[in-house]
Amino acid sequence: QVQLVESGGGLVQAGGSLRLSCAASGSIFSINSMGWHRQAPGAERELVAQMTSRGITNYADSVKGRFTISRDFAKKTVSLQMNSLSPEDTAVYYCALTEGIAGRVTWGQGTQVTVSS
């Protein structure tokens, strides 16, 4: 069973920065990708950033140029550096790991990011 543990959320003023980290543990066949999604109150969960095992990145348009995803698949960790945060970035951020041929997805428990104006 795969487990994801996130850390690094919190409260920050607009224009500030936060760094989220996610560590995976358990029996993982092979990692296809790791990344971050977020869900604001009353909104659907959306992709923020993800990185494939080949290092290919994908960012939401709203975070391009502000957020940077990095990973160490050997250590089964992924991080998200978030700069120039705005109140619109306020959400619960979830780490996600996709593995194996079937593309099974495991979610973390979520970490709250709140950006005050």
N, C-alpha and C. Protein backbone atom coordinates (compact mmCIF):
# COMPACT_ATOMS: atom_id res chain seq x y z
N GLN A 1 0.84 -1.19 0.00
CA GLN A 1 0.00 0.00 0.00
C GLN A 1 0.88 1.24 0.00
N VAL A 2 0.55 2.17 -0.88
CA VAL A 2 1.33 3.39 -1.02
C VAL A 2 0.76 4.46 -0.10
N GLN A 3 1.63 5.17 0.56
CA GLN A 3 1.22 6.30 1.39
C GLN A 3 1.99 7.54 0.98
N LEU A 4 1.30 8.66 0.99
CA LEU A 4 1.91 9.95 0.68
C LEU A 4 1.74 10.87 1.87
N VAL A 5 2.83 11.50 2.27
CA VAL A 5 2.79 12.43 3.40
C VAL A 5 3.26 13.79 2.91
N GLU A 6 2.37 14.76 3.05
CA GLU A 6 2.68 16.12 2.59
C GLU A 6 3.08 17.00 3.77
N SER A 7 3.85 18.01 3.48
CA SER A 7 4.23 18.98 4.48
C SER A 7 4.49 20.32 3.81
N GLY A 8 4.47 21.37 4.61
CA GLY A 8 4.87 22.67 4.11
C GLY A 8 3.76 23.67 3.89
N GLY A 9 2.52 23.29 4.08
CA GLY A 9 1.44 24.25 3.92
C GLY A 9 1.44 25.25 5.06
N GLY A 10 0.56 26.26 4.93
CA GLY A 10 0.46 27.25 5.99
C GLY A 10 -0.16 28.53 5.50
N LEU A 11 0.03 29.56 6.31
CA LEU A 11 -0.52 30.88 6.02
C LEU A 11 0.60 31.81 5.59
N VAL A 12 0.37 32.53 4.51
CA VAL A 12 1.38 33.45 4.00
C VAL A 12 0.69 34.67 3.41
N GLN A 13 1.36 35.79 3.43
CA GLN A 13 0.80 37.00 2.83
C GLN A 13 0.98 36.98 1.32
N ALA A 14 0.12 37.70 0.66
CA ALA A 14 0.23 37.81 -0.79
C ALA A 14 1.63 38.29 -1.18
N GLY A 15 2.17 37.65 -2.21
CA GLY A 15 3.52 37.95 -2.65
C GLY A 15 4.58 37.08 -2.02
N GLY A 16 4.19 36.33 -1.02
CA GLY A 16 5.13 35.47 -0.32
C GLY A 16 5.33 34.14 -1.01
N SER A 17 6.08 33.27 -0.34
CA SER A 17 6.45 31.97 -0.90
C SER A 17 6.21 30.87 0.11
N LEU A 18 5.94 29.70 -0.42
CA LEU A 18 5.86 28.47 0.38
C LEU A 18 6.44 27.34 -0.44
N ARG A 19 6.90 26.35 0.27
CA ARG A 19 7.41 25.14 -0.39
C ARG A 19 6.69 23.94 0.19
N LEU A 20 6.06 23.18 -0.68
CA LEU A 20 5.40 21.95 -0.29
C LEU A 20 6.28 20.76 -0.62
N SER A 21 6.23 19.77 0.24
CA SER A 21 6.98 18.54 -0.01
C SER A 21 6.07 17.35 0.19
N CYS A 22 6.38 16.30 -0.52
CA CYS A 22 5.59 15.07 -0.45
C CYS A 22 6.54 13.89 -0.52
N ALA A 23 6.38 12.98 0.42
CA ALA A 23 7.21 11.78 0.46
C ALA A 23 6.33 10.55 0.35
N ALA A 24 6.71 9.66 -0.53
CA ALA A 24 5.96 8.43 -0.74
C ALA A 24 6.65 7.27 -0.04
N SER A 25 5.84 6.37 0.46
CA SER A 25 6.38 5.17 1.08
C SER A 25 5.48 4.00 0.73
N GLY A 26 5.99 2.81 0.98
CA GLY A 26 5.22 1.62 0.69
C GLY A 26 5.72 0.93 -0.57
N SER A 27 4.94 -0.02 -1.00
CA SER A 27 5.31 -0.82 -2.16
C SER A 27 4.86 -0.12 -3.44
N ILE A 28 5.83 0.40 -4.18
CA ILE A 28 5.54 1.12 -5.42
C ILE A 28 6.20 0.39 -6.57
N PHE A 29 5.39 -0.03 -7.53
CA PHE A 29 5.93 -0.79 -8.64
C PHE A 29 6.84 0.08 -9.49
N SER A 30 6.30 1.13 -10.03
CA SER A 30 7.10 2.09 -10.79
C SER A 30 6.32 3.39 -10.87
N ILE A 31 7.02 4.46 -10.68
CA ILE A 31 6.36 5.77 -10.67
C ILE A 31 6.24 6.29 -12.09
N ASN A 32 5.02 6.61 -12.48
CA ASN A 32 4.82 7.26 -13.78
C ASN A 32 4.97 8.77 -13.65
N SER A 33 4.37 9.29 -12.60
CA SER A 33 4.44 10.72 -12.36
C SER A 33 4.12 11.02 -10.91
N MET A 34 4.58 12.16 -10.47
CA MET A 34 4.18 12.70 -9.17
C MET A 34 3.84 14.16 -9.39
N GLY A 35 2.91 14.64 -8.60
CA GLY A 35 2.53 16.03 -8.81
C GLY A 35 1.62 16.54 -7.73
N TRP A 36 1.08 17.72 -8.00
CA TRP A 36 0.24 18.42 -7.05
C TRP A 36 -1.06 18.87 -7.71
N HIS A 37 -2.12 18.69 -6.98
CA HIS A 37 -3.42 19.22 -7.36
C HIS A 37 -3.89 20.11 -6.22
N ARG A 38 -4.89 20.91 -6.47
CA ARG A 38 -5.46 21.73 -5.41
C ARG A 38 -6.96 21.83 -5.55
N GLN A 39 -7.60 22.11 -4.43
CA GLN A 39 -9.05 22.26 -4.43
C GLN A 39 -9.41 23.41 -3.50
N ALA A 40 -9.99 24.43 -4.10
CA ALA A 40 -10.47 25.58 -3.33
C ALA A 40 -11.92 25.32 -2.92
N PRO A 41 -12.39 26.00 -1.90
CA PRO A 41 -13.78 25.81 -1.45
C PRO A 41 -14.77 26.05 -2.58
N GLY A 42 -15.67 25.09 -2.77
CA GLY A 42 -16.69 25.22 -3.79
C GLY A 42 -16.20 24.96 -5.21
N ALA A 43 -14.96 24.58 -5.35
CA ALA A 43 -14.40 24.35 -6.68
C ALA A 43 -13.99 22.90 -6.86
N GLU A 44 -13.77 22.51 -8.10
CA GLU A 44 -13.30 21.16 -8.36
C GLU A 44 -11.78 21.08 -8.15
N ARG A 45 -11.32 19.88 -7.92
CA ARG A 45 -9.88 19.69 -7.79
C ARG A 45 -9.24 19.90 -9.17
N GLU A 46 -8.12 20.60 -9.17
CA GLU A 46 -7.46 20.89 -10.43
C GLU A 46 -5.97 20.59 -10.34
N LEU A 47 -5.41 20.26 -11.48
CA LEU A 47 -3.98 20.02 -11.56
C LEU A 47 -3.23 21.34 -11.38
N VAL A 48 -2.20 21.31 -10.56
CA VAL A 48 -1.30 22.45 -10.41
C VAL A 48 -0.02 22.22 -11.19
N ALA A 49 0.63 21.11 -10.91
CA ALA A 49 1.88 20.78 -11.58
C ALA A 49 2.16 19.31 -11.41
N GLN A 50 2.77 18.73 -12.42
CA GLN A 50 3.18 17.34 -12.29
C GLN A 50 4.44 17.11 -13.10
N MET A 51 5.16 16.05 -12.72
CA MET A 51 6.38 15.70 -13.42
C MET A 51 6.38 14.20 -13.66
N THR A 52 6.69 13.81 -14.89
CA THR A 52 6.74 12.39 -15.21
C THR A 52 8.08 11.80 -14.81
N SER A 53 8.16 10.50 -14.91
CA SER A 53 9.41 9.82 -14.58
C SER A 53 10.54 10.22 -15.53
N ARG A 54 10.18 10.75 -16.68
CA ARG A 54 11.19 11.20 -17.64
C ARG A 54 11.52 12.68 -17.46
N GLY A 55 10.92 13.29 -16.44
CA GLY A 55 11.24 14.69 -16.17
C GLY A 55 10.40 15.70 -16.93
N ILE A 56 9.37 15.23 -17.61
CA ILE A 56 8.50 16.14 -18.34
C ILE A 56 7.54 16.80 -17.36
N THR A 57 7.45 18.10 -17.42
CA THR A 57 6.60 18.85 -16.49
C THR A 57 5.36 19.40 -17.19
N ASN A 58 4.34 19.57 -16.40
CA ASN A 58 3.09 20.15 -16.87
C ASN A 58 2.56 21.05 -15.77
N TYR A 59 2.29 22.30 -16.12
CA TYR A 59 1.81 23.27 -15.14
C TYR A 59 0.45 23.83 -15.57
N ALA A 60 -0.36 24.15 -14.59
CA ALA A 60 -1.57 24.92 -14.88
C ALA A 60 -1.15 26.31 -15.35
N ASP A 61 -1.90 26.87 -16.27
CA ASP A 61 -1.57 28.19 -16.80
C ASP A 61 -1.49 29.23 -15.68
N SER A 62 -2.32 29.07 -14.68
CA SER A 62 -2.40 30.07 -13.61
C SER A 62 -1.16 30.11 -12.73
N VAL A 63 -0.32 29.08 -12.79
CA VAL A 63 0.86 29.04 -11.92
C VAL A 63 2.17 29.10 -12.69
N LYS A 64 2.10 29.08 -14.00
CA LYS A 64 3.33 29.10 -14.80
C LYS A 64 4.14 30.35 -14.48
N GLY A 65 5.43 30.16 -14.29
CA GLY A 65 6.31 31.28 -13.98
C GLY A 65 6.38 31.59 -12.50
N ARG A 66 5.49 31.02 -11.71
CA ARG A 66 5.48 31.28 -10.26
C ARG A 66 5.79 30.02 -9.46
N PHE A 67 5.33 28.89 -9.93
CA PHE A 67 5.51 27.63 -9.22
C PHE A 67 6.53 26.77 -9.96
N THR A 68 7.30 26.01 -9.20
CA THR A 68 8.28 25.10 -9.79
C THR A 68 8.20 23.75 -9.09
N ILE A 69 8.04 22.72 -9.88
CA ILE A 69 7.99 21.38 -9.32
C ILE A 69 9.35 20.72 -9.48
N SER A 70 9.74 19.97 -8.48
CA SER A 70 10.99 19.21 -8.54
C SER A 70 10.76 17.87 -7.89
N ARG A 71 11.61 16.93 -8.24
CA ARG A 71 11.39 15.59 -7.69
C ARG A 71 12.69 14.82 -7.58
N ASP A 72 12.66 13.85 -6.71
CA ASP A 72 13.74 12.87 -6.59
C ASP A 72 13.03 11.52 -6.54
N PHE A 73 12.88 10.92 -7.69
CA PHE A 73 12.11 9.68 -7.73
C PHE A 73 12.82 8.54 -7.00
N ALA A 74 14.14 8.61 -6.95
CA ALA A 74 14.87 7.58 -6.21
C ALA A 74 14.49 7.62 -4.74
N LYS A 75 14.28 8.84 -4.24
CA LYS A 75 13.86 9.01 -2.85
C LYS A 75 12.35 9.07 -2.72
N LYS A 76 11.65 9.02 -3.87
CA LYS A 76 10.19 9.05 -3.89
C LYS A 76 9.65 10.32 -3.25
N THR A 77 10.24 11.44 -3.61
CA THR A 77 9.77 12.71 -3.10
C THR A 77 9.51 13.68 -4.25
N VAL A 78 8.58 14.58 -4.00
CA VAL A 78 8.31 15.64 -4.95
C VAL A 78 8.03 16.91 -4.15
N SER A 79 8.49 18.04 -4.68
CA SER A 79 8.31 19.31 -4.00
C SER A 79 7.71 20.33 -4.95
N LEU A 80 7.08 21.32 -4.36
CA LEU A 80 6.49 22.40 -5.14
C LEU A 80 6.90 23.72 -4.51
N GLN A 81 7.73 24.47 -5.20
CA GLN A 81 8.11 25.80 -4.75
C GLN A 81 7.11 26.79 -5.31
N MET A 82 6.46 27.51 -4.42
CA MET A 82 5.42 28.45 -4.83
C MET A 82 5.85 29.86 -4.48
N ASN A 83 6.01 30.68 -5.48
CA ASN A 83 6.43 32.07 -5.30
C ASN A 83 5.31 33.00 -5.77
N SER A 84 5.43 34.24 -5.36
CA SER A 84 4.45 35.27 -5.76
C SER A 84 3.02 34.80 -5.54
N LEU A 85 2.78 34.27 -4.37
CA LEU A 85 1.46 33.72 -4.07
C LEU A 85 0.41 34.82 -3.99
N SER A 86 -0.78 34.48 -4.41
CA SER A 86 -1.91 35.40 -4.36
C SER A 86 -3.07 34.72 -3.64
N PRO A 87 -4.05 35.50 -3.17
CA PRO A 87 -5.20 34.88 -2.49
C PRO A 87 -5.90 33.82 -3.35
N GLU A 88 -5.80 33.96 -4.66
CA GLU A 88 -6.43 32.96 -5.55
C GLU A 88 -5.75 31.60 -5.47
N ASP A 89 -4.59 31.53 -4.86
CA ASP A 89 -3.89 30.26 -4.69
C ASP A 89 -4.34 29.54 -3.43
N THR A 90 -5.18 30.16 -2.65
CA THR A 90 -5.67 29.53 -1.42
C THR A 90 -6.46 28.27 -1.75
N ALA A 91 -6.06 27.16 -1.17
CA ALA A 91 -6.71 25.88 -1.44
C ALA A 91 -6.07 24.80 -0.58
N VAL A 92 -6.67 23.64 -0.61
CA VAL A 92 -6.01 22.45 -0.07
C VAL A 92 -5.21 21.84 -1.21
N TYR A 93 -3.96 21.61 -0.96
CA TYR A 93 -3.06 21.06 -1.98
C TYR A 93 -2.84 19.58 -1.69
N TYR A 94 -3.01 18.78 -2.74
CA TYR A 94 -2.90 17.34 -2.63
C TYR A 94 -1.74 16.83 -3.49
N CYS A 95 -0.95 15.99 -2.89
CA CYS A 95 0.08 15.29 -3.64
C CYS A 95 -0.55 14.07 -4.30
N ALA A 96 -0.11 13.76 -5.50
CA ALA A 96 -0.63 12.60 -6.22
C ALA A 96 0.52 11.83 -6.86
N LEU A 97 0.41 10.53 -6.78
CA LEU A 97 1.40 9.65 -7.39
C LEU A 97 0.69 8.69 -8.32
N THR A 98 1.18 8.59 -9.53
CA THR A 98 0.61 7.67 -10.51
C THR A 98 1.65 6.60 -10.80
N GLU A 99 1.21 5.34 -10.76
CA GLU A 99 2.18 4.27 -10.90
C GLU A 99 1.64 3.16 -11.78
N GLY A 100 2.57 2.38 -12.29
CA GLY A 100 2.25 1.14 -12.97
C GLY A 100 1.57 1.31 -14.31
N ILE A 101 1.38 0.17 -14.96
CA ILE A 101 0.77 0.15 -16.29
C ILE A 101 -0.66 0.67 -16.23
N ALA A 102 -1.37 0.34 -15.17
CA ALA A 102 -2.76 0.77 -15.04
C ALA A 102 -2.91 2.22 -14.63
N GLY A 103 -1.82 2.85 -14.28
CA GLY A 103 -1.89 4.25 -13.90
C GLY A 103 -2.65 4.50 -12.61
N ARG A 104 -2.46 3.62 -11.66
CA ARG A 104 -3.15 3.79 -10.38
C ARG A 104 -2.70 5.08 -9.70
N VAL A 105 -3.65 5.79 -9.15
CA VAL A 105 -3.36 7.08 -8.51
C VAL A 105 -3.56 6.95 -7.00
N THR A 106 -2.57 7.41 -6.28
CA THR A 106 -2.66 7.52 -4.82
C THR A 106 -2.61 8.99 -4.45
N TRP A 107 -3.48 9.38 -3.51
CA TRP A 107 -3.56 10.77 -3.08
C TRP A 107 -3.05 10.92 -1.66
N GLY A 108 -2.44 12.06 -1.39
CA GLY A 108 -2.09 12.40 -0.03
C GLY A 108 -3.31 12.95 0.69
N GLN A 109 -3.11 13.26 1.97
CA GLN A 109 -4.24 13.70 2.78
C GLN A 109 -4.56 15.18 2.56
N GLY A 110 -3.65 15.90 1.94
CA GLY A 110 -3.88 17.31 1.66
C GLY A 110 -3.25 18.22 2.70
N THR A 111 -2.80 19.37 2.25
CA THR A 111 -2.24 20.37 3.15
C THR A 111 -2.81 21.73 2.77
N GLN A 112 -3.22 22.48 3.76
CA GLN A 112 -3.88 23.76 3.52
C GLN A 112 -2.86 24.85 3.22
N VAL A 113 -3.12 25.59 2.17
CA VAL A 113 -2.36 26.79 1.84
C VAL A 113 -3.33 27.96 1.84
N THR A 114 -3.05 28.94 2.67
CA THR A 114 -3.89 30.12 2.76
C THR A 114 -3.05 31.36 2.49
N VAL A 115 -3.47 32.15 1.53
CA VAL A 115 -2.75 33.37 1.18
C VAL A 115 -3.65 34.56 1.52
N SER A 116 -3.16 35.39 2.41
CA SER A 116 -3.94 36.56 2.83
C SER A 116 -3.58 37.76 1.98
N SER A 117 -4.56 38.62 1.80
CA SER A 117 -4.33 39.82 0.96
C SER A 117 -3.80 40.98 1.78
